[in-house]
Protein backbone atom coordinates (compact mmCIF):
# COMPACT_ATOMS: atom_id res chain seq x y z
CA MET A 1 109.43 166.38 106.82
CA ALA A 2 111.45 163.75 104.92
CA SER A 3 111.60 161.59 108.04
CA ALA A 4 107.83 161.79 108.48
CA LEU A 5 107.29 160.80 104.86
CA ASP A 6 109.64 157.83 105.25
CA VAL A 7 107.73 156.59 108.29
CA SER A 8 104.38 157.12 106.56
CA SER A 9 105.57 155.14 103.54
CA LEU A 10 106.86 152.40 105.83
CA ALA A 11 103.51 152.28 107.61
CA GLU A 12 101.66 151.52 104.38
CA ASP A 13 103.89 148.47 103.85
CA LEU A 14 103.08 147.22 107.35
CA LEU A 15 99.28 147.42 107.03
CA CYS A 16 97.18 144.36 106.18
CA PRO A 17 95.27 145.02 102.90
CA ILE A 18 92.13 143.51 104.45
CA CYS A 19 91.84 145.05 107.92
CA LEU A 20 94.11 148.06 107.18
CA SER A 21 95.85 147.57 110.54
CA LEU A 22 99.38 146.58 111.44
CA PHE A 23 100.03 142.98 110.51
CA ARG A 24 99.28 140.41 113.20
CA ASP A 25 100.71 136.94 112.62
CA PRO A 26 101.07 137.63 108.85
CA ARG A 27 100.80 134.79 106.33
CA MET A 28 102.36 134.93 102.85
CA LEU A 29 100.81 133.35 99.73
CA GLU A 30 102.52 131.93 96.63
CA CYS A 31 102.00 135.24 94.79
CA GLY A 32 103.97 137.13 97.47
CA HIS A 33 101.06 139.02 99.07
CA SER A 34 100.66 138.84 102.85
CA PHE A 35 97.65 139.12 105.17
CA CYS A 36 96.88 138.74 108.87
CA ALA A 37 96.24 135.10 109.74
CA HIS A 38 92.71 135.80 111.00
CA CYS A 39 91.94 137.96 107.92
CA LEU A 40 93.13 135.24 105.53
CA GLU A 41 91.35 132.39 107.30
CA PRO A 42 87.97 132.88 105.50
CA CYS A 43 89.81 132.76 102.15
CA ILE A 44 91.38 129.34 102.79
CA PRO A 45 89.09 126.59 101.45
CA LYS A 46 88.57 123.30 103.22
CA GLY A 47 90.06 120.09 101.88
CA ARG A 48 92.42 120.11 98.92
CA ARG A 49 90.74 122.87 96.90
CA ARG A 50 92.79 125.93 95.95
CA GLY A 51 91.98 129.40 97.28
CA LEU A 52 92.31 132.82 95.63
CA CYS A 53 94.50 135.69 96.82
CA PRO A 54 92.17 138.46 98.11
CA GLU A 55 94.36 141.07 96.40
CA CYS A 56 95.42 139.67 92.98
CA ARG A 57 93.10 136.60 92.74
CA HIS A 58 96.08 134.34 92.06
CA PRO A 59 95.25 130.74 93.08
CA PHE A 60 97.14 129.17 95.98
CA ALA A 61 97.26 125.79 97.69
CA PRO A 62 96.39 125.89 101.44
CA ARG A 63 99.53 123.91 102.25
CA SER A 64 101.71 126.56 100.56
CA VAL A 65 100.72 129.35 103.00
CA THR A 66 103.76 130.31 105.10
CA ILE A 67 104.49 132.63 108.01
CA ASN A 68 106.04 135.93 106.87
CA TRP A 69 108.66 136.26 109.57
CA ALA A 70 110.03 139.49 108.11
CA LEU A 71 106.68 141.27 108.42
CA CYS A 72 106.18 139.76 111.89
CA SER A 73 109.36 141.42 113.09
CA LEU A 74 108.71 144.74 111.36
CA ALA A 75 105.13 145.01 112.62
CA GLU A 76 106.23 144.23 116.16
CA LYS A 77 108.91 146.91 116.03
CA ALA A 78 106.34 149.36 114.68
CA ARG A 79 104.08 148.66 117.65
CA LEU A 80 106.92 149.64 119.96
CA LEU A 81 106.74 153.06 118.33
CA LYS A 82 102.98 153.10 118.88
CA LEU A 83 102.34 152.93 115.15
CA ASP A 84 99.06 151.18 115.80
CA GLU A 85 95.86 150.37 113.87
CA GLY A 86 94.48 153.18 111.73
CA ALA A 87 97.09 155.74 112.86
CA GLN A 88 98.94 157.90 110.35
CA LEU A 89 102.49 157.02 111.30
CA GLY A 90 104.66 160.11 111.64
CA GLY A 91 101.83 162.35 110.52
CA GLY A 92 101.12 163.86 113.95
CA GLY A 93 103.38 166.21 115.87
CA PRO A 94 104.64 165.71 119.42
CA GLY A 95 102.17 166.34 122.23
CA ARG A 96 99.04 165.42 120.29
CA ALA A 97 98.59 162.04 122.00
CA ILE A 98 97.09 162.21 125.50
CA CYS A 99 97.89 160.05 128.54
CA THR A 100 94.75 158.10 129.36
CA GLU A 101 95.56 158.17 133.09
CA HIS A 102 96.52 161.83 133.60
CA GLU A 103 95.09 163.44 130.44
CA GLU A 104 98.43 165.09 129.76
CA PRO A 105 100.36 165.15 126.46
CA LEU A 106 102.68 162.18 125.91
CA LYS A 107 105.96 164.05 125.62
CA LEU A 108 108.45 161.44 126.88
CA PHE A 109 109.40 157.89 125.98
CA CYS A 110 110.41 155.46 128.75
CA ARG A 111 113.28 153.32 127.47
CA GLN A 112 112.82 150.62 130.10
CA ASP A 113 109.06 150.18 129.57
CA GLU A 114 109.31 151.14 125.87
CA GLU A 115 106.18 153.28 125.92
CA PRO A 116 105.29 156.98 125.64
CA ILE A 117 104.46 158.69 128.95
CA CYS A 118 103.48 162.13 130.18
CA LEU A 119 105.46 164.33 132.57
CA ILE A 120 103.35 163.19 135.52
CA CYS A 121 104.02 159.53 134.70
CA ARG A 122 107.74 160.28 134.77
CA ASP A 123 107.53 161.18 138.44
CA MET A 124 105.47 158.12 139.39
CA PRO A 125 107.10 155.31 141.44
CA GLN A 126 106.80 152.77 138.63
CA HIS A 127 109.16 154.88 136.48
CA GLN A 128 111.66 155.71 139.21
CA GLY A 129 115.24 155.24 137.97
CA HIS A 130 114.17 154.87 134.34
CA ASP A 131 115.72 156.63 131.36
CA PHE A 132 113.60 158.94 129.23
CA LEU A 133 113.81 160.50 125.80
CA PRO A 134 111.68 163.16 124.16
CA VAL A 135 109.14 161.46 121.93
CA LYS A 136 110.65 163.06 118.83
CA ASN A 137 114.12 161.76 119.72
CA ALA A 138 112.76 158.32 120.56
CA VAL A 139 111.04 158.15 117.18
CA GLN A 140 114.32 158.97 115.45
CA VAL A 141 116.22 156.36 117.49
CA TYR A 142 113.77 153.58 116.74
CA GLN A 143 113.42 154.65 113.12
CA ASP A 144 117.18 154.23 112.73
CA LYS A 145 117.04 150.82 114.42
CA LEU A 146 114.10 149.78 112.28
CA LYS A 147 115.82 150.89 109.08
CA ALA A 148 118.98 149.00 110.10
CA SER A 149 116.95 145.85 110.69
CA LEU A 150 115.38 146.14 107.24
CA VAL A 151 118.60 145.07 105.52
CA PRO A 152 118.88 141.53 106.98
CA LEU A 153 115.11 141.17 106.95
CA THR A 154 114.99 142.08 103.27
CA GLU A 155 117.81 139.65 102.58
CA ASN A 156 115.95 136.93 104.46
CA LEU A 157 112.78 137.73 102.54
CA ASN A 158 114.63 137.59 99.21
CA SER A 159 116.26 134.32 100.24
CA ALA A 160 112.90 132.84 101.24
CA THR A 161 111.40 134.01 97.94
CA GLU A 162 114.24 132.36 96.03
CA ASP A 163 113.80 129.16 98.04
CA GLN A 164 110.10 129.20 97.18
CA ARG A 165 110.88 129.70 93.50
CA ARG A 166 113.36 126.82 93.47
CA GLN A 167 110.94 124.58 95.34
CA GLN A 168 108.20 125.40 92.85
CA GLU A 169 110.60 124.57 90.02
CA ASN A 170 111.39 121.25 91.72
CA ILE A 171 107.68 120.49 92.02
CA THR A 172 107.13 121.35 88.35
CA ALA A 173 110.11 119.20 87.33
CA LEU A 174 108.81 116.30 89.43
CA GLU A 175 105.34 116.56 87.91
CA SER A 176 106.88 116.61 84.42
CA CYS A 177 109.04 113.58 85.26
CA VAL A 178 106.01 111.70 86.57
CA GLN A 179 104.06 112.48 83.40
CA ASP A 180 106.96 111.26 81.24
CA LEU A 181 107.23 108.08 83.29
CA LEU A 182 103.49 107.43 83.04
CA GLY A 183 103.70 107.93 79.27
CA TYR A 184 106.65 105.53 79.04
CA ILE A 185 104.82 102.89 81.08
CA SER A 186 101.74 103.22 78.86
CA LYS A 187 103.83 102.80 75.69
CA GLU A 188 105.71 99.80 77.08
CA PHE A 189 102.50 98.05 78.07
CA GLU A 190 101.02 98.90 74.69
CA VAL A 191 103.93 97.06 73.05
CA LEU A 192 103.52 94.13 75.46
CA HIS A 193 99.81 93.96 74.70
CA GLN A 194 100.58 93.92 70.97
CA ILE A 195 103.14 91.13 71.43
CA LEU A 196 100.70 89.10 73.53
CA HIS A 197 97.94 89.69 70.97
CA GLU A 198 100.16 88.48 68.13
CA LYS A 199 101.22 85.47 70.21
CA GLU A 200 97.57 84.70 70.96
CA GLU A 201 96.60 84.91 67.29
CA GLY A 202 99.57 82.71 66.31
CA MET A 203 98.62 80.02 68.83
CA LYS A 204 95.00 80.10 67.71
CA LYS A 205 96.05 79.65 64.08
CA GLU A 206 98.31 76.74 65.03
CA VAL A 207 95.46 75.05 66.90
CA GLU A 208 93.16 75.58 63.91
CA ARG A 209 95.82 74.09 61.60
CA MET A 210 96.23 71.02 63.80
CA LYS A 211 92.46 70.67 64.02
CA LYS A 212 92.11 70.83 60.24
CA GLU A 213 94.94 68.35 59.66
CA ASN A 214 93.59 65.81 62.15
CA CYS A 215 90.01 66.27 61.04
CA GLU A 216 90.95 65.56 57.41
CA GLU A 217 92.64 62.29 58.43
CA MET A 218 89.73 61.31 60.64
CA GLU A 219 87.17 62.18 57.96
CA GLU A 220 89.10 60.08 55.40
CA SER A 221 89.13 57.17 57.83
CA LEU A 222 85.43 57.67 58.49
CA LYS A 223 84.76 57.58 54.76
CA GLU A 224 86.58 54.25 54.48
CA LEU A 225 84.59 52.92 57.43
CA ASP A 226 81.36 54.05 55.76
CA GLU A 227 82.30 52.21 52.56
CA GLU A 228 83.23 49.10 54.53
CA PHE A 229 79.97 49.31 56.43
CA ALA A 230 78.00 49.63 53.19
CA SER A 231 79.82 46.61 51.75
CA HIS A 232 79.08 44.51 54.82
CA ARG A 233 75.48 45.60 54.80
CA GLU A 234 75.13 44.66 51.13
CA THR A 235 76.73 41.27 51.73
CA LEU A 236 74.48 40.69 54.72
CA SER A 237 71.46 41.60 52.64
CA ARG A 238 72.45 39.16 49.92
CA ALA A 239 73.11 36.45 52.51
CA GLN A 240 69.70 37.07 54.01
CA ALA A 241 68.21 36.81 50.55
CA GLY A 242 70.04 33.49 50.04
CA LEU A 243 68.45 32.09 53.16
CA ASP A 244 65.10 32.92 51.75
CA GLU A 245 65.88 31.10 48.43
CA SER A 246 63.35 28.29 48.00
CA ASP A 247 65.17 26.57 45.16
CA HIS A 248 67.73 24.23 46.63
CA ILE A 249 70.04 24.20 43.65
CA THR A 250 70.13 27.94 43.47
CA PHE A 251 70.74 28.18 47.21
CA LEU A 252 73.68 25.78 47.01
CA ARG A 253 75.21 27.84 44.20
CA VAL A 254 74.86 31.24 45.86
CA ARG A 255 75.82 30.16 49.34
CA ARG A 256 79.48 29.93 48.18
CA ASP A 257 79.54 33.71 47.84
CA PHE A 258 79.10 34.01 51.59
CA THR A 259 80.76 30.88 53.02
CA GLY A 260 83.82 31.03 50.78
CA GLY A 261 83.66 27.29 50.16
CA GLY A 262 83.09 25.62 46.81
CA GLY A 263 84.74 22.28 47.35
CA ASN A 264 86.79 20.51 44.65
CA LYS A 265 85.01 21.29 41.41
CA LYS A 266 85.43 18.60 38.79
CA GLY A 267 82.53 19.23 36.61
CA LYS A 268 79.43 21.14 36.27
CA CYS A 269 75.99 19.74 36.01
């Protein structure tokens, strides 16, 4: 009874949660749950979107889905014991299964062909020279082999899980490093922008200072030119007025203001 319970418990671990059959080409998600490849296919989104585990709803990236080699091996070994889809492994007694060809109970197990056979099959030419075991004994033999294979498979599974954990830590560390680097770059360029802004403002102020200094000199020179122009215009106006003087004596007196000549003055009439 204990052996039957062990096999039944083992069977539950080898059944896909979706199709409830022995795993076929199992795929493992980041959360650790596994499903048949064809059962999981509808749950894998197209593109870069993340999917959800059908069992625990934990999100997963399509690229993170891996082959569960441990379950592949276990499910294949279970098939050799005829622990097939929907069957209650170990729950039935010997002789309940029927040979589809001869309709006789499957009481023997052919070691060469690795399949249960009936007594008539044993005497058929295709099984001539083969070794046979009672089904019950064959189950025990392969159960022992299967249990022995669980140790390295479990170790491999644990190792793969640890590798996944470390890889995820590496990815997290890389993402953190990238974020830190992006933050550093932003701060450095912020400082550079501030320096350039201050430099720009300083150069603008220097240009404004030079403009003001030169404009003041030029405006002072322009003021002097305006005064000189006004003086010349006044002199020209007076000279023009002198030309219009009808009195000859007066003309001769005022013309010296414009010609600069007065001659040798000895007396005054």
